[in-house]
Amino acid sequence: MRKAKVIYTAPEGDSKVVDMGGETFYDGKETELNTDDHGHMIEKLSNNQHFDVELGEEEEPKRGPGRPKKRDFKAGIEGARDHDFEQDRRDLSDKIGKQNKTAVANAENKN
């Protein structure tokens, strides 16, 4: 994605405000657009004498919120090596057994 700074220069006697592609441009005011959302419009505006377009450098995509950083991932692996997963399995099995006993008791009480 690249960002573009666009400045509209109104011709003499024309409107000081232009609406185009869901964006509003004011005479002499900078508006920021990006190529992901407005790529075609940036291209058209750069060929229009009433718009000055300054296209910025390509930006690296940012990581999504759910993707762990490498250092966090490595820390998770280290922590997993020391964890007793067998104990987790036993605890879960006991919990499910208790829930089943409770469900059977509740069913018998209803009869």
Protein backbone atom coordinates (compact mmCIF):
# COMPACT_ATOMS: atom_id res chain seq x y z
CA MET A 1 0.00 0.00 0.00
CA ARG A 2 1.15 3.51 -0.76
CA LYS A 3 -0.22 6.76 0.61
CA ALA A 4 -0.82 9.79 -1.57
CA LYS A 5 -1.19 13.44 -0.60
CA VAL A 6 -3.64 15.21 -2.89
CA ILE A 7 -4.21 18.97 -3.08
CA TYR A 8 -7.07 20.41 -5.11
CA THR A 9 -6.55 23.82 -6.74
CA ALA A 10 -9.89 25.26 -7.81
CA PRO A 11 -9.99 27.09 -11.14
CA GLU A 12 -10.96 30.76 -10.95
CA GLY A 13 -14.72 31.16 -10.67
CA ASP A 14 -15.30 27.45 -9.96
CA SER A 15 -16.40 25.65 -6.79
CA LYS A 16 -13.95 25.57 -3.89
CA VAL A 17 -15.15 22.03 -3.00
CA VAL A 18 -15.15 18.88 -5.13
CA ASP A 19 -16.69 15.50 -4.19
CA MET A 20 -15.24 12.54 -6.02
CA GLY A 21 -15.16 8.81 -5.27
CA GLY A 22 -16.52 9.27 -1.75
CA GLU A 23 -13.87 11.86 -0.88
CA THR A 24 -14.26 15.63 -0.50
CA PHE A 25 -11.47 17.89 -1.70
CA TYR A 26 -11.21 21.51 -0.55
CA ASP A 27 -9.33 24.19 -2.44
CA GLY A 28 -5.73 24.33 -1.20
CA LYS A 29 -6.22 21.68 1.51
CA GLU A 30 -4.31 18.41 1.60
CA THR A 31 -6.28 15.15 1.52
CA GLU A 32 -4.60 11.80 2.20
CA LEU A 33 -5.59 8.74 0.15
CA ASN A 34 -4.13 5.24 -0.15
CA THR A 35 -3.68 2.96 -3.13
CA ASP A 36 -5.60 0.08 -1.55
CA ASP A 37 -8.85 2.05 -1.37
CA HIS A 38 -8.38 4.68 -4.10
CA GLY A 39 -5.76 3.37 -6.54
CA HIS A 40 -7.77 4.16 -9.68
CA MET A 41 -8.78 7.61 -8.43
CA ILE A 42 -5.16 8.51 -7.55
CA GLU A 43 -4.13 7.61 -11.09
CA LYS A 44 -6.90 9.77 -12.58
CA LEU A 45 -6.18 12.72 -10.29
CA SER A 46 -2.47 12.67 -11.14
CA ASN A 47 -3.47 13.38 -14.78
CA ASN A 48 -5.81 16.24 -13.79
CA GLN A 49 -4.36 19.77 -13.94
CA HIS A 50 -6.37 20.89 -10.89
CA PHE A 51 -4.89 18.27 -8.57
CA ASP A 52 -1.33 17.95 -7.24
CA VAL A 53 -0.61 14.35 -6.27
CA GLU A 54 2.42 13.28 -4.25
CA LEU A 55 2.71 9.50 -4.01
CA GLY A 56 4.63 8.11 -1.04
CA GLU A 57 6.83 5.04 -0.68
CA GLU A 58 5.48 1.49 -0.57
CA GLU A 59 4.67 0.49 3.03
CA GLU A 60 5.25 -2.95 4.47
CA PRO A 61 2.02 -4.70 5.49
CA LYS A 62 1.49 -4.76 9.24
CA ARG A 63 1.00 -8.00 11.12
CA GLY A 64 -2.53 -8.83 12.10
CA PRO A 65 -3.53 -8.77 15.77
CA GLY A 66 -3.72 -12.59 15.99
CA ARG A 67 -0.28 -13.36 14.63
CA PRO A 68 2.32 -13.80 17.38
CA LYS A 69 5.75 -12.27 17.13
CA LYS A 70 8.62 -14.71 16.74
CA ARG A 71 9.94 -14.07 20.24
CA ASP A 72 6.49 -14.80 21.76
CA PHE A 73 6.15 -17.96 19.70
CA LYS A 74 9.57 -19.20 20.84
CA ALA A 75 8.66 -18.44 24.47
CA GLY A 76 5.46 -20.47 24.03
CA ILE A 77 7.43 -23.46 22.75
CA GLU A 78 9.85 -23.24 25.66
CA GLY A 79 6.95 -23.10 28.11
CA ALA A 80 5.26 -26.07 26.45
CA ARG A 81 8.35 -28.24 26.96
CA ASP A 82 8.04 -27.83 30.74
CA HIS A 83 4.25 -28.25 30.89
CA ASP A 84 2.60 -31.45 32.17
CA PHE A 85 0.04 -32.17 29.47
CA GLU A 86 -0.72 -35.57 30.96
CA GLN A 87 -1.97 -33.85 34.13
CA ASP A 88 -4.19 -31.59 31.97
CA ARG A 89 -5.68 -34.71 30.36
CA ARG A 90 -6.38 -36.30 33.77
CA ASP A 91 -7.96 -33.08 35.10
CA LEU A 92 -10.19 -32.77 32.06
CA SER A 93 -11.20 -36.42 32.28
CA ASP A 94 -12.17 -35.97 35.96
CA LYS A 95 -14.18 -32.84 35.12
CA ILE A 96 -16.10 -34.59 32.34
CA GLY A 97 -16.76 -37.58 34.63
CA LYS A 98 -18.23 -35.29 37.31
CA GLN A 99 -20.42 -33.53 34.71
CA ASN A 100 -21.71 -36.90 33.46
CA LYS A 101 -22.53 -38.06 36.99
CA THR A 102 -24.40 -34.81 37.66
CA ALA A 103 -26.35 -35.14 34.40
CA VAL A 104 -27.33 -38.76 35.23
CA ALA A 105 -28.41 -37.76 38.75
CA ASN A 106 -30.51 -34.89 37.41
CA ALA A 107 -32.18 -37.22 34.88
CA GLU A 108 -33.00 -39.77 37.57
CA ASN A 109 -34.49 -37.06 39.81
CA LYS A 110 -36.84 -35.95 37.02
CA ASN A 111 -38.25 -39.50 36.66
